[in-house]
Protein backbone atom coordinates (compact mmCIF):
# COMPACT_ATOMS: atom_id res chain seq x y z
CA MET A 1 68.29 66.03 105.98
CA THR A 2 72.10 65.84 106.11
CA LYS A 3 73.74 68.32 108.61
CA ILE A 4 77.23 69.60 108.62
CA LEU A 5 78.74 71.67 111.39
CA ILE A 6 81.29 74.11 110.21
CA VAL A 7 83.52 75.49 112.85
CA THR A 8 85.51 78.71 112.19
CA ASP A 9 87.52 81.22 114.45
CA ALA A 10 87.11 83.80 111.71
CA TRP A 11 83.95 85.44 111.79
CA ARG A 12 81.76 88.87 111.77
CA PRO A 13 82.35 91.46 112.17
CA GLN A 14 85.48 90.53 110.12
CA ILE A 15 85.78 91.37 106.57
CA ASN A 16 87.96 89.00 104.95
CA GLY A 17 88.06 86.33 102.36
CA VAL A 18 87.59 83.53 104.97
CA VAL A 19 84.59 85.16 106.46
CA ARG A 20 82.90 85.82 103.09
CA THR A 21 83.53 82.53 101.73
CA LEU A 22 82.15 80.74 104.75
CA GLU A 23 78.99 83.13 104.55
CA ARG A 24 78.28 82.48 101.09
CA LEU A 25 79.02 78.57 101.37
CA SER A 26 76.40 78.50 104.16
CA GLU A 27 73.85 79.90 101.80
CA GLU A 28 74.61 77.87 98.69
CA ILE A 29 75.03 74.50 100.42
CA ARG A 30 71.54 74.54 101.65
CA ARG A 31 70.58 74.37 98.02
CA PHE A 32 72.20 70.92 98.21
CA GLY A 33 69.76 69.72 100.62
CA ILE A 34 72.35 70.24 103.57
CA GLU A 35 71.54 71.68 106.66
CA VAL A 36 74.19 73.99 108.19
CA ASP A 37 75.17 74.75 111.74
CA LEU A 38 78.15 77.37 112.37
CA LEU A 39 80.32 77.21 115.44
CA THR A 40 81.81 80.59 115.64
CA PRO A 41 83.30 82.94 118.39
CA ALA A 42 80.10 84.79 118.37
CA GLU A 43 78.79 82.08 120.96
CA PHE A 44 81.49 82.86 123.55
CA PRO A 45 83.39 85.72 125.18
CA THR A 46 86.52 86.91 123.15
CA LEU A 47 89.93 88.37 123.24
CA PRO A 48 91.55 90.00 120.42
CA CYS A 49 94.24 87.95 118.50
CA PRO A 50 98.06 89.15 119.10
CA THR A 51 99.06 91.04 116.04
CA TYR A 52 95.75 90.72 114.29
CA PRO A 53 93.32 92.24 116.46
CA GLU A 54 90.35 92.09 114.18
CA ILE A 55 90.21 88.51 114.82
CA ARG A 56 88.40 87.74 118.19
CA LEU A 57 89.54 84.29 119.70
CA ALA A 58 87.09 82.45 121.66
CA LEU A 59 87.37 82.09 125.42
CA THR A 60 86.09 78.56 126.14
CA GLY A 61 86.95 75.11 127.01
CA ILE A 62 86.82 71.88 125.30
CA ASN A 63 83.90 70.45 127.57
CA ARG A 64 81.89 73.26 126.24
CA VAL A 65 82.68 72.63 122.88
CA ARG A 66 82.02 68.95 123.16
CA ARG A 67 78.53 69.53 124.46
CA ARG A 68 77.99 72.02 121.64
CA ILE A 69 79.07 69.21 119.18
CA GLU A 70 77.14 66.64 120.80
CA ALA A 71 73.93 68.79 120.76
CA ALA A 72 74.46 69.53 117.05
CA ARG A 73 74.65 65.90 116.21
CA PRO A 74 76.17 66.63 112.74
CA ASP A 75 76.82 64.24 110.01
CA TYR A 76 79.68 65.97 108.82
CA VAL A 77 82.32 68.22 110.51
CA HIS A 78 84.26 70.71 108.74
CA ILE A 79 86.89 72.84 110.44
CA ALA A 80 87.86 76.13 108.62
CA THR A 81 90.38 77.46 110.74
CA GLU A 82 93.52 76.55 113.02
CA GLY A 83 92.36 78.78 116.08
CA PRO A 84 91.03 77.47 119.37
CA LEU A 85 87.71 76.36 118.22
CA GLY A 86 89.02 74.42 115.36
CA LEU A 87 92.01 72.78 117.80
CA MET A 88 89.21 71.80 120.50
CA THR A 89 86.90 70.73 117.98
CA ALA A 90 89.53 68.44 116.39
CA LYS A 91 90.29 66.98 119.83
CA VAL A 92 86.73 66.20 120.39
CA VAL A 93 85.96 64.63 116.77
CA ASN A 94 89.03 62.88 115.97
CA GLY A 95 88.75 59.07 115.86
CA HIS A 96 85.01 59.51 116.89
CA GLY A 97 81.73 59.70 114.79
CA PRO A 98 82.08 61.31 111.39
CA GLY A 99 85.80 62.70 111.86
CA PHE A 100 86.36 65.88 110.14
CA THR A 101 87.77 67.67 107.29
CA THR A 102 89.83 70.80 107.33
CA SER A 103 90.58 73.71 104.87
CA TYR A 104 93.94 75.57 104.41
CA HIS A 105 92.74 79.52 103.63
CA THR A 106 95.70 81.46 105.13
CA ARG A 107 99.68 81.11 104.60
CA PHE A 108 99.93 81.45 108.49
CA PRO A 109 103.64 80.75 108.77
CA GLU A 110 104.37 83.49 106.05
CA TYR A 111 102.11 86.16 108.03
CA LEU A 112 103.67 85.06 111.46
CA SER A 113 107.31 85.22 110.26
CA ALA A 114 106.61 88.78 108.74
CA ARG A 115 105.69 90.11 112.19
CA LEU A 116 107.72 87.98 114.53
CA PRO A 117 111.15 85.84 114.62
CA VAL A 118 109.35 82.49 114.21
CA PRO A 119 110.73 80.28 111.37
CA GLN A 120 108.27 79.07 108.91
CA SER A 121 109.57 75.64 109.15
CA TRP A 122 108.01 75.27 112.82
CA SER A 123 104.88 76.73 111.75
CA TYR A 124 104.48 74.43 108.74
CA ALA A 125 105.41 71.59 110.73
CA TRP A 126 102.60 72.33 113.54
CA LEU A 127 100.01 73.08 110.64
CA LYS A 128 100.95 69.73 108.74
CA ARG A 129 100.23 67.70 112.06
CA PHE A 130 96.77 69.50 112.53
CA HIS A 131 95.55 68.96 109.05
CA ASN A 132 97.00 65.32 108.52
CA ARG A 133 94.76 64.36 111.25
CA GLY A 134 91.90 65.15 109.31
CA LEU A 135 90.06 63.23 106.31
CA ALA A 136 90.83 65.80 103.68
CA CYS A 137 92.56 69.19 103.62
CA MET A 138 90.50 71.41 101.31
CA VAL A 139 92.75 74.14 99.30
CA ALA A 140 91.83 76.91 97.02
CA THR A 141 94.34 76.49 94.14
CA GLU A 142 96.49 74.00 92.42
CA SER A 143 99.70 75.84 93.18
CA LEU A 144 98.78 75.61 97.27
CA ARG A 145 98.00 71.87 96.71
CA ARG A 146 101.45 71.25 95.16
CA ASP A 147 103.09 73.42 97.82
CA LEU A 148 101.59 71.60 100.65
CA SER A 149 102.10 68.37 99.18
CA ASP A 150 105.76 68.98 98.96
CA ARG A 151 105.83 69.88 102.64
CA GLY A 152 103.99 66.43 103.58
CA PHE A 153 100.44 67.50 103.84
CA ASN A 154 98.19 64.50 102.93
CA ASN A 155 94.70 64.07 101.40
CA LEU A 156 94.62 67.73 99.68
CA ALA A 157 91.50 68.26 97.38
CA ILE A 158 90.83 71.37 95.41
CA TRP A 159 88.07 73.72 96.83
CA SER A 160 87.81 76.77 94.40
CA ARG A 161 85.97 80.18 95.06
CA GLY A 162 83.08 81.87 93.23
CA VAL A 163 81.94 85.56 92.81
CA ASP A 164 78.66 87.02 92.77
CA GLN A 165 78.22 88.26 89.45
CA SER A 166 75.00 89.95 89.95
CA LEU A 167 76.75 92.27 92.55
CA PHE A 168 80.18 92.57 90.95
CA ARG A 169 79.69 93.51 87.43
CA PRO A 170 80.66 96.28 85.13
CA ARG A 171 78.85 99.82 85.36
CA THR A 172 78.37 102.55 83.21
CA GLU A 173 78.79 105.27 85.95
CA ARG A 174 82.40 106.49 87.08
CA ILE A 175 81.93 107.42 90.67
CA LEU A 176 85.75 108.43 91.17
CA ASP A 177 86.47 111.85 89.88
CA LEU A 178 90.29 111.28 89.76
CA PRO A 179 92.78 111.76 87.01
CA ARG A 180 92.87 108.39 84.70
CA PRO A 181 94.08 105.79 84.53
CA ILE A 182 92.93 104.67 87.94
CA PHE A 183 95.01 101.87 89.62
CA MET A 184 93.15 100.21 92.53
CA ASN A 185 93.72 97.94 95.43
CA VAL A 186 91.27 96.36 97.68
CA GLY A 187 91.84 94.46 100.87
CA ARG A 188 93.34 94.47 104.24
CA VAL A 189 95.87 97.12 104.85
CA SER A 190 98.76 95.23 106.52
CA VAL A 191 102.31 94.41 106.43
CA GLU A 192 101.66 90.95 104.72
CA LYS A 193 99.98 92.60 101.72
CA ASN A 194 103.10 94.25 100.39
CA ILE A 195 100.96 97.23 99.43
CA GLU A 196 104.16 99.43 99.52
CA ALA A 197 105.36 97.76 96.50
CA PHE A 198 102.46 99.13 94.59
CA LEU A 199 102.47 102.44 96.05
CA ASP A 200 106.10 103.00 95.18
CA LEU A 201 105.63 102.58 91.55
CA ASP A 202 105.83 105.60 88.96
CA LEU A 203 102.32 105.13 87.46
CA PRO A 204 100.41 107.83 85.51
CA GLY A 205 96.99 108.91 86.81
CA SER A 206 95.79 107.81 90.42
CA LYS A 207 96.27 105.13 92.85
CA VAL A 208 93.37 104.08 94.93
CA ILE A 209 93.15 101.90 98.25
CA VAL A 210 90.14 100.56 99.43
CA GLY A 211 90.17 98.94 102.74
CA ASP A 212 91.44 99.37 106.49
CA GLY A 213 94.08 97.66 108.69
CA PRO A 214 96.94 98.24 111.16
CA VAL A 215 99.28 100.13 108.69
CA LEU A 216 96.82 102.50 107.10
CA GLY A 217 97.91 105.45 109.12
CA SER A 218 101.57 105.19 108.34
CA LEU A 219 100.83 104.51 104.60
CA LYS A 220 98.77 107.58 104.65
CA LYS A 221 101.63 109.78 106.15
CA ARG A 222 104.34 108.18 103.74
CA TYR A 223 101.88 108.38 100.35
CA PRO A 224 100.12 111.49 100.76
CA ASP A 225 99.21 111.44 96.93
CA VAL A 226 97.52 108.16 97.13
CA HIS A 227 93.51 108.16 97.82
CA PHE A 228 92.84 105.89 100.82
CA LEU A 229 88.92 105.37 100.65
CA GLY A 230 88.60 103.04 103.85
CA THR A 231 86.36 100.09 104.01
CA HIS A 232 83.62 99.62 101.72
CA THR A 233 81.03 96.64 101.17
CA GLY A 234 78.24 95.41 99.05
CA GLU A 235 77.14 97.85 96.25
CA ASP A 236 79.51 100.51 97.28
CA LEU A 237 82.54 98.27 96.83
CA ALA A 238 81.38 96.87 93.67
CA ARG A 239 80.87 100.38 92.22
CA LEU A 240 84.35 101.25 93.21
CA TYR A 241 85.77 98.07 91.69
CA ALA A 242 84.05 98.98 88.31
CA ALA A 243 85.43 102.38 88.27
CA ALA A 244 89.06 101.38 88.29
CA ASP A 245 90.90 100.78 85.02
CA VAL A 246 93.57 98.25 86.62
CA PHE A 247 93.34 96.11 89.67
CA VAL A 248 96.88 95.85 91.27
CA PHE A 249 97.52 92.97 93.56
CA PRO A 250 100.97 93.26 95.07
CA SER A 251 100.62 90.37 97.61
CA LEU A 252 103.24 87.65 97.86
CA THR A 253 101.48 85.63 100.47
CA ASP A 254 97.94 85.06 99.43
CA THR A 255 96.49 81.50 98.89
CA PHE A 256 93.94 82.60 96.24
CA GLY A 257 92.81 86.27 96.34
CA ASN A 258 89.01 86.52 96.44
CA VAL A 259 89.35 90.29 95.53
CA LEU A 260 91.15 89.18 91.84
CA ILE A 261 88.05 87.35 90.95
CA GLU A 262 85.64 90.39 92.18
CA ALA A 263 87.83 92.73 90.09
CA LEU A 264 87.62 90.60 86.93
CA ALA A 265 83.85 90.25 87.22
CA CYS A 266 83.61 94.16 87.32
CA GLY A 267 85.38 93.95 84.04
CA VAL A 268 88.79 95.11 85.34
CA PRO A 269 92.03 93.47 84.12
CA VAL A 270 94.63 92.44 87.06
CA ALA A 271 98.18 93.35 87.35
CA ALA A 272 100.09 90.99 89.84
CA TYR A 273 103.51 89.20 90.56
CA PRO A 274 103.80 85.57 89.13
CA VAL A 275 102.99 84.03 92.41
CA MET A 276 100.41 81.64 94.13
CA GLY A 277 96.76 82.92 93.71
CA PRO A 278 97.53 85.18 90.63
CA VAL A 279 99.07 82.33 88.78
CA ASP A 280 95.90 80.11 89.28
CA VAL A 281 93.52 82.83 88.85
CA ILE A 282 95.13 84.83 85.82
CA GLY A 283 97.76 82.49 84.58
CA ASP A 284 97.65 82.95 80.68
CA THR A 285 93.96 83.67 80.24
CA GLY A 286 94.84 87.10 79.16
CA SER A 287 92.69 88.69 82.04
CA GLY A 288 95.86 90.20 83.27
CA VAL A 289 99.28 90.62 83.36
CA LEU A 290 101.83 88.88 85.55
CA SER A 291 105.55 89.95 86.08
CA ASN A 292 108.07 90.43 88.50
CA ASP A 293 108.26 93.78 87.27
CA LEU A 294 105.04 95.11 88.90
CA GLN A 295 105.12 98.58 87.08
CA GLU A 296 105.38 96.99 83.66
CA ALA A 297 102.26 94.47 84.54
CA CYS A 298 100.43 97.58 85.54
CA LEU A 299 101.14 99.61 82.24
CA ALA A 300 100.41 96.31 80.24
CA ALA A 301 97.29 95.71 81.77
CA LEU A 302 95.70 99.19 80.59
CA ASP A 303 95.62 97.31 76.90
CA ILE A 304 93.60 94.29 78.34
CA PRO A 305 89.96 94.59 76.99
CA ARG A 306 87.18 94.34 79.71
CA GLU A 307 85.68 91.47 77.78
CA ALA A 308 88.81 89.44 78.80
CA ALA A 309 88.34 90.03 82.42
CA LEU A 310 84.53 89.23 82.28
CA ALA A 311 85.27 85.76 80.35
CA ARG A 312 87.65 84.82 83.05
CA ALA A 313 85.26 85.81 85.85
CA ALA A 314 82.80 83.64 84.47
CA ASP A 315 84.75 80.54 85.29
CA PHE A 316 84.33 81.15 88.95
CA THR A 317 80.69 80.27 90.17
CA TRP A 318 79.62 79.53 93.80
CA GLU A 319 77.50 76.74 92.60
CA ARG A 320 80.63 74.93 91.10
CA ALA A 321 82.75 75.89 94.37
CA THR A 322 80.22 74.60 96.72
CA GLN A 323 79.92 71.31 94.58
CA GLN A 324 83.41 70.77 95.12
CA PHE A 325 83.20 71.33 98.83
CA VAL A 326 80.26 68.58 99.17
CA ASP A 327 82.02 66.26 96.65
CA THR A 328 85.16 66.34 99.12
CA ILE A 329 83.43 65.69 102.12
CA GLU A 330 81.25 62.69 100.60
CA GLN A 331 84.84 61.26 99.39
CA ALA A 332 86.32 61.61 102.62
CA GLN A 333 83.50 60.03 104.46
CA ARG A 334 83.37 57.12 102.12
CA ARG A 335 87.24 56.52 102.56
CA ARG A 336 86.56 56.40 106.23
CA ARG A 337 83.75 53.93 106.18
CA THR A 338 85.87 51.84 103.94
CA VAL A 339 88.85 51.97 106.44
CA GLN A 340 86.60 51.15 109.28
CA ALA A 341 85.11 48.26 107.46
CA ALA A 342 88.49 46.89 106.73
């Protein structure tokens, strides 16, 4: 059986799009006859990542990582993140054995510059060097592919996302006893998510925030009329989505936004800015409203039928996303073998 080693610095107990994507990929890819081995910080002592303490960085050395990879004997190696494990794996594998592919999940330069005075050009230059060493770099959307290509990233391939439509689906019950309409946001409550842009809007009904993060406490104090429900997962989260009338996505920095397709699968139309992520997921499909005036988008989204949201969600399946992942790795390996033969 073919074996793939997936290396990630983002892993449980984190709750974010990267972790959820890798968890589901690990399940789905086995149906393609591929064995999965995961190299994660769970195998090592860790310390919290500066400015993002939910991420635990592995404390280990390159020799230990080398022995771990040699013991795994993978046919393919995929590096999902640019953290310590990803960097050490790239050094071990580069130029030897199967080489490696990467994926670009997070607009790290934008996140870093939102916290520290670090020019985005420096971060992008470093990221470009890292990802261009691989056989292919997988990105979730066409907008991101064009953006990175313009910055000099090579061998970019689309790897979209899926949504579990058996879990995220419309519900008849309304579990939130709040004045309607209900405008909801789900995700990490942090500065880069631009949540204040949503909370500052003058909207009828109720505003609901589902999630946790470093600015949750300050937002609770500044917006006492907003309903902050904390972190929810699984069935509880799906029921909350379905209780909303509009899903509001104020982020300007996400590369995709898994929460967008989860909301759509629950029959909830989206209001967002016309930026990377929403442009690719919503676009002109009629499943949401994109506008530089977020309040205008929120109010207009109230008129969108839930059927339109469901129709768009049906385009995002994990089977299709996993097929894209497998195809990209196989194509990258064929290119490698052709170059070696030449």
